[in-house]
Amino acid sequence: MSANCVSVYCAARIASKSDCESVPLLSCSLLTNATSASRFESPVGSPARMLADIRMSIAANALKNPSLGTESVAELVGYQSIAAFRRAFTPRMGVTPGAWRRSARPTA
């Protein structure tokens, strides 16, 4: 199973606002979810970890857009509340979404 296939799968999970654990990776690999996860985990981490990393990358880029509020960014990457988004974003990025937005703002 290629990492690209799993990336496409996880991107589809983000778009449908579900997680990698809720649907097996059978669409790409024809393996069970447990087998897919164990084979995929070695080179790049678990599918759930990859999904979280993709979500935070998308969120970090979206937070640079001043026309998108934090709530909109949270919803964009599949979180139902700002609090849940903040709890996921802060440990991965080292700062809160608001601090990230301020640091990403161009200086005059």
PDB file of N, CA and C in Angstrom:
ATOM      1  N   MET A   1       0.855  -1.171   0.000  1.00  0.00           N
ATOM      2  CA  MET A   1       0.000   0.000   0.000  1.00  0.00           C
ATOM      3  C   MET A   1       0.896   1.228   0.000  1.00  0.00           C
ATOM      4  N   SER A   2       0.631   2.145  -0.898  1.00  0.00           N
ATOM      5  CA  SER A   2       1.482   3.332  -0.999  1.00  0.00           C
ATOM      6  C   SER A   2       1.011   4.419  -0.040  1.00  0.00           C
ATOM      7  N   ALA A   3       1.969   5.255   0.365  1.00  0.00           N
ATOM      8  CA  ALA A   3       1.620   6.390   1.224  1.00  0.00           C
ATOM      9  C   ALA A   3       0.708   7.353   0.481  1.00  0.00           C
ATOM     10  N   ASN A   4       0.892   7.477  -0.837  1.00  0.00           N
ATOM     11  CA  ASN A   4       0.035   8.354  -1.632  1.00  0.00           C
ATOM     12  C   ASN A   4      -1.416   7.887  -1.568  1.00  0.00           C
ATOM     13  N   CYS A   5      -1.637   6.598  -1.662  1.00  0.00           N
ATOM     14  CA  CYS A   5      -2.990   6.051  -1.592  1.00  0.00           C
ATOM     15  C   CYS A   5      -3.627   6.402  -0.249  1.00  0.00           C
ATOM     16  N   VAL A   6      -2.872   6.274   0.812  1.00  0.00           N
ATOM     17  CA  VAL A   6      -3.402   6.582   2.133  1.00  0.00           C
ATOM     18  C   VAL A   6      -3.621   8.084   2.271  1.00  0.00           C
ATOM     19  N   SER A   7      -2.757   8.904   1.675  1.00  0.00           N
ATOM     20  CA  SER A   7      -2.952  10.351   1.702  1.00  0.00           C
ATOM     21  C   SER A   7      -4.262  10.726   1.037  1.00  0.00           C
ATOM     22  N   VAL A   8      -4.534  10.128  -0.112  1.00  0.00           N
ATOM     23  CA  VAL A   8      -5.788  10.390  -0.826  1.00  0.00           C
ATOM     24  C   VAL A   8      -6.963   9.942   0.027  1.00  0.00           C
ATOM     25  N   TYR A   9      -6.834   8.772   0.640  1.00  0.00           N
ATOM     26  CA  TYR A   9      -7.883   8.245   1.514  1.00  0.00           C
ATOM     27  C   TYR A   9      -8.161   9.199   2.668  1.00  0.00           C
ATOM     28  N   CYS A  10      -7.090   9.668   3.336  1.00  0.00           N
ATOM     29  CA  CYS A  10      -7.260  10.551   4.480  1.00  0.00           C
ATOM     30  C   CYS A  10      -7.834  11.889   4.052  1.00  0.00           C
ATOM     31  N   ALA A  11      -7.423  12.398   2.902  1.00  0.00           N
ATOM     32  CA  ALA A  11      -7.996  13.647   2.402  1.00  0.00           C
ATOM     33  C   ALA A  11      -9.496  13.487   2.181  1.00  0.00           C
ATOM     34  N   ALA A  12      -9.906  12.327   1.666  1.00  0.00           N
ATOM     35  CA  ALA A  12     -11.338  12.067   1.480  1.00  0.00           C
ATOM     36  C   ALA A  12     -12.046  11.996   2.824  1.00  0.00           C
ATOM     37  N   ARG A  13     -11.395  11.435   3.835  1.00  0.00           N
ATOM     38  CA  ARG A  13     -11.988  11.358   5.179  1.00  0.00           C
ATOM     39  C   ARG A  13     -12.161  12.766   5.744  1.00  0.00           C
ATOM     40  N   ILE A  14     -11.184  13.646   5.515  1.00  0.00           N
ATOM     41  CA  ILE A  14     -11.301  15.024   5.995  1.00  0.00           C
ATOM     42  C   ILE A  14     -12.482  15.686   5.308  1.00  0.00           C
ATOM     43  N   ALA A  15     -12.573  15.517   3.999  1.00  0.00           N
ATOM     44  CA  ALA A  15     -13.656  16.147   3.239  1.00  0.00           C
ATOM     45  C   ALA A  15     -15.022  15.667   3.711  1.00  0.00           C
ATOM     46  N   SER A  16     -15.116  14.396   4.116  1.00  0.00           N
ATOM     47  CA  SER A  16     -16.399  13.873   4.568  1.00  0.00           C
ATOM     48  C   SER A  16     -16.592  14.038   6.070  1.00  0.00           C
ATOM     49  N   LYS A  17     -15.623  14.693   6.722  1.00  0.00           N
ATOM     50  CA  LYS A  17     -15.665  14.991   8.161  1.00  0.00           C
ATOM     51  C   LYS A  17     -15.778  13.723   9.026  1.00  0.00           C
ATOM     52  N   SER A  18     -15.056  12.679   8.607  1.00  0.00           N
ATOM     53  CA  SER A  18     -14.972  11.480   9.435  1.00  0.00           C
ATOM     54  C   SER A  18     -13.498  11.186   9.680  1.00  0.00           C
ATOM     55  N   ASP A  19     -13.200  10.106  10.367  1.00  0.00           N
ATOM     56  CA  ASP A  19     -11.805   9.822  10.652  1.00  0.00           C
ATOM     57  C   ASP A  19     -11.346   8.549   9.965  1.00  0.00           C
ATOM     58  N   CYS A  20     -10.030   8.340   9.992  1.00  0.00           N
ATOM     59  CA  CYS A  20      -9.453   7.179   9.314  1.00  0.00           C
ATOM     60  C   CYS A  20      -9.861   5.870   9.956  1.00  0.00           C
ATOM     61  N   GLU A  21     -10.248   5.905  11.205  1.00  0.00           N
ATOM     62  CA  GLU A  21     -10.605   4.673  11.890  1.00  0.00           C
ATOM     63  C   GLU A  21     -12.016   4.204  11.556  1.00  0.00           C
ATOM     64  N   SER A  22     -12.859   5.105  11.032  1.00  0.00           N
ATOM     65  CA  SER A  22     -14.261   4.751  10.858  1.00  0.00           C
ATOM     66  C   SER A  22     -14.540   3.922   9.618  1.00  0.00           C
ATOM     67  N   VAL A  23     -13.646   3.945   8.651  1.00  0.00           N
ATOM     68  CA  VAL A  23     -13.843   3.196   7.415  1.00  0.00           C
ATOM     69  C   VAL A  23     -12.534   2.498   7.089  1.00  0.00           C
ATOM     70  N   PRO A  24     -12.560   1.185   6.820  1.00  0.00           N
ATOM     71  CA  PRO A  24     -11.320   0.487   6.501  1.00  0.00           C
ATOM     72  C   PRO A  24     -10.665   1.041   5.248  1.00  0.00           C
ATOM     73  N   LEU A  25      -9.364   0.820   5.136  1.00  0.00           N
ATOM     74  CA  LEU A  25      -8.623   1.273   3.972  1.00  0.00           C
ATOM     75  C   LEU A  25      -8.807   0.326   2.784  1.00  0.00           C
ATOM     76  N   LEU A  26      -9.860  -0.476   2.827  1.00  0.00           N
ATOM     77  CA  LEU A  26     -10.090  -1.468   1.781  1.00  0.00           C
ATOM     78  C   LEU A  26     -10.185  -0.869   0.390  1.00  0.00           C
ATOM     79  N   SER A  27     -10.669   0.353   0.279  1.00  0.00           N
ATOM     80  CA  SER A  27     -10.836   0.955  -1.033  1.00  0.00           C
ATOM     81  C   SER A  27      -9.504   1.091  -1.768  1.00  0.00           C
ATOM     82  N   CYS A  28      -8.411   1.207  -1.037  1.00  0.00           N
ATOM     83  CA  CYS A  28      -7.098   1.331  -1.669  1.00  0.00           C
ATOM     84  C   CYS A  28      -6.309   0.036  -1.657  1.00  0.00           C
ATOM     85  N   SER A  29      -6.399  -0.705  -0.595  1.00  0.00           N
ATOM     86  CA  SER A  29      -5.449  -1.788  -0.387  1.00  0.00           C
ATOM     87  C   SER A  29      -6.027  -3.191  -0.412  1.00  0.00           C
ATOM     88  N   LEU A  30      -7.321  -3.319  -0.294  1.00  0.00           N
ATOM     89  CA  LEU A  30      -7.971  -4.620  -0.179  1.00  0.00           C
ATOM     90  C   LEU A  30      -7.490  -5.403   1.035  1.00  0.00           C
ATOM     91  N   LEU A  31      -7.060  -4.686   2.073  1.00  0.00           N
ATOM     92  CA  LEU A  31      -6.662  -5.294   3.337  1.00  0.00           C
ATOM     93  C   LEU A  31      -7.632  -4.850   4.415  1.00  0.00           C
ATOM     94  N   THR A  32      -7.670  -5.597   5.505  1.00  0.00           N
ATOM     95  CA  THR A  32      -8.508  -5.172   6.625  1.00  0.00           C
ATOM     96  C   THR A  32      -7.918  -3.910   7.237  1.00  0.00           C
ATOM     97  N   ASN A  33      -8.710  -3.205   8.009  1.00  0.00           N
ATOM     98  CA  ASN A  33      -8.239  -1.976   8.639  1.00  0.00           C
ATOM     99  C   ASN A  33      -7.051  -2.258   9.559  1.00  0.00           C
ATOM    100  N   ALA A  34      -7.105  -3.337  10.333  1.00  0.00           N
ATOM    101  CA  ALA A  34      -6.010  -3.664  11.251  1.00  0.00           C
ATOM    102  C   ALA A  34      -4.727  -3.978  10.490  1.00  0.00           C
ATOM    103  N   THR A  35      -4.828  -4.761   9.419  1.00  0.00           N
ATOM    104  CA  THR A  35      -3.649  -5.097   8.619  1.00  0.00           C
ATOM    105  C   THR A  35      -3.102  -3.856   7.939  1.00  0.00           C
ATOM    106  N   SER A  36      -3.993  -3.036   7.402  1.00  0.00           N
ATOM    107  CA  SER A  36      -3.564  -1.791   6.759  1.00  0.00           C
ATOM    108  C   SER A  36      -2.816  -0.910   7.748  1.00  0.00           C
ATOM    109  N   ALA A  37      -3.374  -0.764   8.937  1.00  0.00           N
ATOM    110  CA  ALA A  37      -2.753   0.093   9.948  1.00  0.00           C
ATOM    111  C   ALA A  37      -1.384  -0.443  10.356  1.00  0.00           C
ATOM    112  N   SER A  38      -1.256  -1.757  10.561  1.00  0.00           N
ATOM    113  CA  SER A  38       0.026  -2.307  11.003  1.00  0.00           C
ATOM    114  C   SER A  38       1.086  -2.199   9.910  1.00  0.00           C
ATOM    115  N   ARG A  39       0.699  -2.374   8.656  1.00  0.00           N
ATOM    116  CA  ARG A  39       1.664  -2.250   7.566  1.00  0.00           C
ATOM    117  C   ARG A  39       2.023  -0.802   7.297  1.00  0.00           C
ATOM    118  N   PHE A  40       1.092   0.074   7.465  1.00  0.00           N
ATOM    119  CA  PHE A  40       1.317   1.482   7.180  1.00  0.00           C
ATOM    120  C   PHE A  40       2.064   2.176   8.311  1.00  0.00           C
ATOM    121  N   GLU A  41       1.918   1.666   9.515  1.00  0.00           N
ATOM    122  CA  GLU A  41       2.464   2.351  10.680  1.00  0.00           C
ATOM    123  C   GLU A  41       3.980   2.437  10.661  1.00  0.00           C
ATOM    124  N   SER A  42       4.660   1.456  10.143  1.00  0.00           N
ATOM    125  CA  SER A  42       6.115   1.457  10.177  1.00  0.00           C
ATOM    126  C   SER A  42       6.750   2.681   9.529  1.00  0.00           C
ATOM    127  N   PRO A  43       6.493   2.954   8.246  1.00  0.00           N
ATOM    128  CA  PRO A  43       7.231   4.052   7.614  1.00  0.00           C
ATOM    129  C   PRO A  43       6.791   5.465   8.013  1.00  0.00           C
ATOM    130  N   VAL A  44       5.525   5.694   8.261  1.00  0.00           N
ATOM    131  CA  VAL A  44       5.075   7.078   8.459  1.00  0.00           C
ATOM    132  C   VAL A  44       4.157   7.285   9.653  1.00  0.00           C
ATOM    133  N   GLY A  45       3.962   6.315  10.480  1.00  0.00           N
ATOM    134  CA  GLY A  45       3.033   6.442  11.594  1.00  0.00           C
ATOM    135  C   GLY A  45       1.687   5.852  11.216  1.00  0.00           C
ATOM    136  N   SER A  46       0.759   5.894  12.128  1.00  0.00           N
ATOM    137  CA  SER A  46      -0.554   5.296  11.891  1.00  0.00           C
ATOM    138  C   SER A  46      -1.377   6.158  10.937  1.00  0.00           C
ATOM    139  N   PRO A  47      -2.380   5.563  10.272  1.00  0.00           N
ATOM    140  CA  PRO A  47      -3.277   6.365   9.433  1.00  0.00           C
ATOM    141  C   PRO A  47      -3.945   7.491  10.217  1.00  0.00           C
ATOM    142  N   ALA A  48      -4.315   7.238  11.465  1.00  0.00           N
ATOM    143  CA  ALA A  48      -4.940   8.284  12.277  1.00  0.00           C
ATOM    144  C   ALA A  48      -3.960   9.429  12.534  1.00  0.00           C
ATOM    145  N   ARG A  49      -2.703   9.106  12.767  1.00  0.00           N
ATOM    146  CA  ARG A  49      -1.670  10.137  12.978  1.00  0.00           C
ATOM    147  C   ARG A  49      -1.480  10.955  11.695  1.00  0.00           C
ATOM    148  N   MET A  50      -1.459  10.251  10.560  1.00  0.00           N
ATOM    149  CA  MET A  50      -1.303  10.948   9.287  1.00  0.00           C
ATOM    150  C   MET A  50      -2.483  11.890   9.036  1.00  0.00           C
ATOM    151  N   LEU A  51      -3.684  11.426   9.357  1.00  0.00           N
ATOM    152  CA  LEU A  51      -4.870  12.262   9.195  1.00  0.00           C
ATOM    153  C   LEU A  51      -4.766  13.508  10.071  1.00  0.00           C
ATOM    154  N   ALA A  52      -4.345  13.338  11.308  1.00  0.00           N
ATOM    155  CA  ALA A  52      -4.201  14.486  12.214  1.00  0.00           C
ATOM    156  C   ALA A  52      -3.158  15.464  11.671  1.00  0.00           C
ATOM    157  N   ASP A  53      -2.052  14.947  11.146  1.00  0.00           N
ATOM    158  CA  ASP A  53      -1.017  15.810  10.581  1.00  0.00           C
ATOM    159  C   ASP A  53      -1.533  16.570   9.359  1.00  0.00           C
ATOM    160  N   ILE A  54      -2.297  15.892   8.503  1.00  0.00           N
ATOM    161  CA  ILE A  54      -2.873  16.543   7.325  1.00  0.00           C
ATOM    162  C   ILE A  54      -3.859  17.622   7.761  1.00  0.00           C
ATOM    163  N   ARG A  55      -4.703  17.301   8.742  1.00  0.00           N
ATOM    164  CA  ARG A  55      -5.662  18.286   9.240  1.00  0.00           C
ATOM    165  C   ARG A  55      -4.967  19.532   9.769  1.00  0.00           C
ATOM    166  N   MET A  56      -3.910  19.346  10.548  1.00  0.00           N
ATOM    167  CA  MET A  56      -3.212  20.489  11.133  1.00  0.00           C
ATOM    168  C   MET A  56      -2.485  21.294  10.064  1.00  0.00           C
ATOM    169  N   SER A  57      -1.961  20.644   9.056  1.00  0.00           N
ATOM    170  CA  SER A  57      -1.307  21.348   7.952  1.00  0.00           C
ATOM    171  C   SER A  57      -2.317  22.210   7.195  1.00  0.00           C
ATOM    172  N   ILE A  58      -3.476  21.639   6.907  1.00  0.00           N
ATOM    173  CA  ILE A  58      -4.538  22.389   6.228  1.00  0.00           C
ATOM    174  C   ILE A  58      -4.984  23.554   7.117  1.00  0.00           C
ATOM    175  N   ALA A  59      -5.150  23.283   8.409  1.00  0.00           N
ATOM    176  CA  ALA A  59      -5.591  24.324   9.338  1.00  0.00           C
ATOM    177  C   ALA A  59      -4.563  25.445   9.430  1.00  0.00           C
ATOM    178  N   ALA A  60      -3.293  25.092   9.532  1.00  0.00           N
ATOM    179  CA  ALA A  60      -2.244  26.108   9.638  1.00  0.00           C
ATOM    180  C   ALA A  60      -2.257  27.022   8.418  1.00  0.00           C
ATOM    181  N   ASN A  61      -2.420  26.455   7.242  1.00  0.00           N
ATOM    182  CA  ASN A  61      -2.488  27.275   6.032  1.00  0.00           C
ATOM    183  C   ASN A  61      -3.757  28.114   6.001  1.00  0.00           C
ATOM    184  N   ALA A  62      -4.872  27.538   6.403  1.00  0.00           N
ATOM    185  CA  ALA A  62      -6.147  28.262   6.385  1.00  0.00           C
ATOM    186  C   ALA A  62      -6.144  29.416   7.388  1.00  0.00           C
ATOM    187  N   LEU A  63      -5.455  29.255   8.504  1.00  0.00           N
ATOM    188  CA  LEU A  63      -5.404  30.317   9.505  1.00  0.00           C
ATOM    189  C   LEU A  63      -4.668  31.556   8.994  1.00  0.00           C
ATOM    190  N   LYS A  64      -3.898  31.415   7.942  1.00  0.00           N
ATOM    191  CA  LYS A  64      -3.205  32.566   7.344  1.00  0.00           C
ATOM    192  C   LYS A  64      -4.177  33.472   6.600  1.00  0.00           C
ATOM    193  N   ASN A  65      -5.357  32.938   6.287  1.00  0.00           N
ATOM    194  CA  ASN A  65      -6.361  33.696   5.542  1.00  0.00           C
ATOM    195  C   ASN A  65      -7.198  34.512   6.530  1.00  0.00           C
ATOM    196  N   PRO A  66      -7.050  35.841   6.521  1.00  0.00           N
ATOM    197  CA  PRO A  66      -7.771  36.656   7.505  1.00  0.00           C
ATOM    198  C   PRO A  66      -9.287  36.652   7.326  1.00  0.00           C
ATOM    199  N   SER A  67      -9.766  36.222   6.165  1.00  0.00           N
ATOM    200  CA  SER A  67     -11.221  36.206   5.964  1.00  0.00           C
ATOM    201  C   SER A  67     -11.877  34.953   6.548  1.00  0.00           C
ATOM    202  N   LEU A  68     -11.076  33.985   6.993  1.00  0.00           N
ATOM    203  CA  LEU A  68     -11.619  32.780   7.622  1.00  0.00           C
ATOM    204  C   LEU A  68     -11.481  32.881   9.136  1.00  0.00           C
ATOM    205  N   GLY A  69     -12.586  32.783   9.840  1.00  0.00           N
ATOM    206  CA  GLY A  69     -12.545  32.762  11.294  1.00  0.00           C
ATOM    207  C   GLY A  69     -12.060  31.413  11.805  1.00  0.00           C
ATOM    208  N   THR A  70     -11.643  31.379  13.042  1.00  0.00           N
ATOM    209  CA  THR A  70     -11.158  30.126  13.635  1.00  0.00           C
ATOM    210  C   THR A  70     -12.232  29.048  13.595  1.00  0.00           C
ATOM    211  N   GLU A  71     -13.481  29.429  13.830  1.00  0.00           N
ATOM    212  CA  GLU A  71     -14.573  28.451  13.780  1.00  0.00           C
ATOM    213  C   GLU A  71     -14.695  27.847  12.372  1.00  0.00           C
ATOM    214  N   SER A  72     -14.550  28.663  11.354  1.00  0.00           N
ATOM    215  CA  SER A  72     -14.612  28.172   9.972  1.00  0.00           C
ATOM    216  C   SER A  72     -13.462  27.225   9.667  1.00  0.00           C
ATOM    217  N   VAL A  73     -12.277  27.559  10.167  1.00  0.00           N
ATOM    218  CA  VAL A  73     -11.109  26.693   9.956  1.00  0.00           C
ATOM    219  C   VAL A  73     -11.322  25.359  10.666  1.00  0.00           C
ATOM    220  N   ALA A  74     -11.812  25.419  11.896  1.00  0.00           N
ATOM    221  CA  ALA A  74     -12.082  24.187  12.650  1.00  0.00           C
ATOM    222  C   ALA A  74     -13.051  23.295  11.889  1.00  0.00           C
ATOM    223  N   GLU A  75     -14.114  23.888  11.377  1.00  0.00           N
ATOM    224  CA  GLU A  75     -15.105  23.128  10.625  1.00  0.00           C
ATOM    225  C   GLU A  75     -14.507  22.580   9.327  1.00  0.00           C
ATOM    226  N   LEU A  76     -13.684  23.370   8.675  1.00  0.00           N
ATOM    227  CA  LEU A  76     -13.040  22.967   7.426  1.00  0.00           C
ATOM    228  C   LEU A  76     -12.259  21.670   7.588  1.00  0.00           C
ATOM    229  N   VAL A  77     -11.591  21.514   8.716  1.00  0.00           N
ATOM    230  CA  VAL A  77     -10.763  20.323   8.932  1.00  0.00           C
ATOM    231  C   VAL A  77     -11.457  19.249   9.768  1.00  0.00           C
ATOM    232  N   GLY A  78     -12.768  19.405   9.977  1.00  0.00           N
ATOM    233  CA  GLY A  78     -13.543  18.318  10.547  1.00  0.00           C
ATOM    234  C   GLY A  78     -13.823  18.361  12.032  1.00  0.00           C
ATOM    235  N   TYR A  79     -13.583  19.495  12.690  1.00  0.00           N
ATOM    236  CA  TYR A  79     -13.883  19.607  14.112  1.00  0.00           C
ATOM    237  C   TYR A  79     -15.233  20.274  14.296  1.00  0.00           C
ATOM    238  N   GLN A  80     -16.006  19.776  15.246  1.00  0.00           N
ATOM    239  CA  GLN A  80     -17.343  20.310  15.492  1.00  0.00           C
ATOM    240  C   GLN A  80     -17.340  21.461  16.480  1.00  0.00           C
ATOM    241  N   SER A  81     -16.218  21.678  17.154  1.00  0.00           N
ATOM    242  CA  SER A  81     -16.147  22.800  18.094  1.00  0.00           C
ATOM    243  C   SER A  81     -14.757  23.414  18.038  1.00  0.00           C
ATOM    244  N   ILE A  82     -14.719  24.699  18.362  1.00  0.00           N
ATOM    245  CA  ILE A  82     -13.431  25.393  18.418  1.00  0.00           C
ATOM    246  C   ILE A  82     -12.572  24.802  19.529  1.00  0.00           C
ATOM    247  N   ALA A  83     -13.193  24.424  20.628  1.00  0.00           N
ATOM    248  CA  ALA A  83     -12.438  23.870  21.759  1.00  0.00           C
ATOM    249  C   ALA A  83     -11.719  22.580  21.360  1.00  0.00           C
ATOM    250  N   ALA A  84     -12.400  21.695  20.663  1.00  0.00           N
ATOM    251  CA  ALA A  84     -11.772  20.435  20.221  1.00  0.00           C
ATOM    252  C   ALA A  84     -10.642  20.726  19.238  1.00  0.00           C
ATOM    253  N   PHE A  85     -10.882  21.670  18.336  1.00  0.00           N
ATOM    254  CA  PHE A  85      -9.854  22.059  17.376  1.00  0.00           C
ATOM    255  C   PHE A  85      -8.633  22.619  18.104  1.00  0.00           C
ATOM    256  N   ARG A  86      -8.856  23.498  19.062  1.00  0.00           N
ATOM    257  CA  ARG A  86      -7.754  24.099  19.817  1.00  0.00           C
ATOM    258  C   ARG A  86      -6.962  23.034  20.567  1.00  0.00           C
ATOM    259  N   ARG A  87      -7.680  22.059  21.168  1.00  0.00           N
ATOM    260  CA  ARG A  87      -6.992  20.975  21.909  1.00  0.00           C
ATOM    261  C   ARG A  87      -6.141  20.121  20.976  1.00  0.00           C
ATOM    262  N   ALA A  88      -6.555  19.945  19.738  1.00  0.00           N
ATOM    263  CA  ALA A  88      -5.774  19.166  18.782  1.00  0.00           C
ATOM    264  C   ALA A  88      -4.642  19.993  18.172  1.00  0.00           C
ATOM    265  N   PHE A  89      -4.903  21.257  17.879  1.00  0.00           N
ATOM    266  CA  PHE A  89      -3.942  22.119  17.193  1.00  0.00           C
ATOM    267  C   PHE A  89      -2.758  22.493  18.091  1.00  0.00           C
ATOM    268  N   THR A  90      -3.033  22.907  19.312  1.00  0.00           N
ATOM    269  CA  THR A  90      -2.010  23.467  20.187  1.00  0.00           C
ATOM    270  C   THR A  90      -0.838  22.522  20.458  1.00  0.00           C
ATOM    271  N   PRO A  91      -1.045  21.261  20.825  1.00  0.00           N
ATOM    272  CA  PRO A  91       0.112  20.391  21.077  1.00  0.00           C
ATOM    273  C   PRO A  91       0.935  20.111  19.812  1.00  0.00           C
ATOM    274  N   ARG A  92       0.268  19.992  18.681  1.00  0.00           N
ATOM    275  CA  ARG A  92       0.984  19.683  17.440  1.00  0.00           C
ATOM    276  C   ARG A  92       1.778  20.871  16.910  1.00  0.00           C
ATOM    277  N   MET A  93       1.207  22.067  17.040  1.00  0.00           N
ATOM    278  CA  MET A  93       1.834  23.248  16.447  1.00  0.00           C
ATOM    279  C   MET A  93       2.616  24.079  17.473  1.00  0.00           C
ATOM    280  N   GLY A  94       2.427  23.780  18.759  1.00  0.00           N
ATOM    281  CA  GLY A  94       3.174  24.468  19.805  1.00  0.00           C
ATOM    282  C   GLY A  94       2.585  25.793  20.251  1.00  0.00           C
ATOM    283  N   VAL A  95       1.526  26.248  19.584  1.00  0.00           N
ATOM    284  CA  VAL A  95       0.842  27.495  19.955  1.00  0.00           C
ATOM    285  C   VAL A  95      -0.642  27.315  19.659  1.00  0.00           C
ATOM    286  N   THR A  96      -1.453  28.209  20.223  1.00  0.00           N
ATOM    287  CA  THR A  96      -2.890  28.165  19.953  1.00  0.00           C
ATOM    288  C   THR A  96      -3.153  28.603  18.507  1.00  0.00           C
ATOM    289  N   PRO A  97      -4.336  28.284  17.968  1.00  0.00           N
ATOM    290  CA  PRO A  97      -4.659  28.754  16.620  1.00  0.00           C
ATOM    291  C   PRO A  97      -4.564  30.280  16.484  1.00  0.00           C
ATOM    292  N   GLY A  98      -4.998  31.012  17.513  1.00  0.00           N
ATOM    293  CA  GLY A  98      -4.922  32.472  17.475  1.00  0.00           C
ATOM    294  C   GLY A  98      -3.481  32.974  17.420  1.00  0.00           C
ATOM    295  N   ALA A  99      -2.611  32.367  18.218  1.00  0.00           N
ATOM    296  CA  ALA A  99      -1.199  32.753  18.206  1.00  0.00           C
ATOM    297  C   ALA A  99      -0.558  32.402  16.859  1.00  0.00           C
ATOM    298  N   TRP A 100      -0.947  31.261  16.309  1.00  0.00           N
ATOM    299  CA  TRP A 100      -0.437  30.874  14.990  1.00  0.00           C
ATOM    300  C   TRP A 100      -0.854  31.910  13.944  1.00  0.00           C
ATOM    301  N   ARG A 101      -2.111  32.309  13.992  1.00  0.00           N
ATOM    302  CA  ARG A 101      -2.623  33.299  13.045  1.00  0.00           C
ATOM    303  C   ARG A 101      -1.839  34.613  13.165  1.00  0.00           C
ATOM    304  N   ARG A 102      -1.607  35.066  14.396  1.00  0.00           N
ATOM    305  CA  ARG A 102      -0.878  36.319  14.601  1.00  0.00           C
ATOM    306  C   ARG A 102       0.558  36.217  14.093  1.00  0.00           C
ATOM    307  N   SER A 103       1.197  35.063  14.316  1.00  0.00           N
ATOM    308  CA  SER A 103       2.588  34.906  13.868  1.00  0.00           C
ATOM    309  C   SER A 103       2.688  34.766  12.358  1.00  0.00           C
ATOM    310  N   ALA A 104       1.619  34.321  11.713  1.00  0.00           N
ATOM    311  CA  ALA A 104       1.615  34.146  10.264  1.00  0.00           C
ATOM    312  C   ALA A 104       1.265  35.433   9.532  1.00  0.00           C
ATOM    313  N   ARG A 105       0.797  36.431  10.260  1.00  0.00           N
ATOM    314  CA  ARG A 105       0.400  37.716   9.659  1.00  0.00           C
ATOM    315  C   ARG A 105       1.648  38.429   9.145  1.00  0.00           C
ATOM    316  N   PRO A 106       1.595  38.908   7.900  1.00  0.00           N
ATOM    317  CA  PRO A 106       2.762  39.630   7.381  1.00  0.00           C
ATOM    318  C   PRO A 106       2.997  40.923   8.147  1.00  0.00           C
ATOM    319  N   THR A 107       4.253  41.243   8.346  1.00  0.00           N
ATOM    320  CA  THR A 107       4.581  42.482   9.050  1.00  0.00           C
ATOM    321  C   THR A 107       4.673  43.635   8.044  1.00  0.00           C
ATOM    322  N   ALA A 108       4.295  44.796   8.496  1.00  0.00           N
ATOM    323  CA  ALA A 108       4.290  45.962   7.591  1.00  0.00           C
ATOM    324  C   ALA A 108       5.627  46.633   7.520  1.00  0.00           C
TER     325      ALA A 108
END
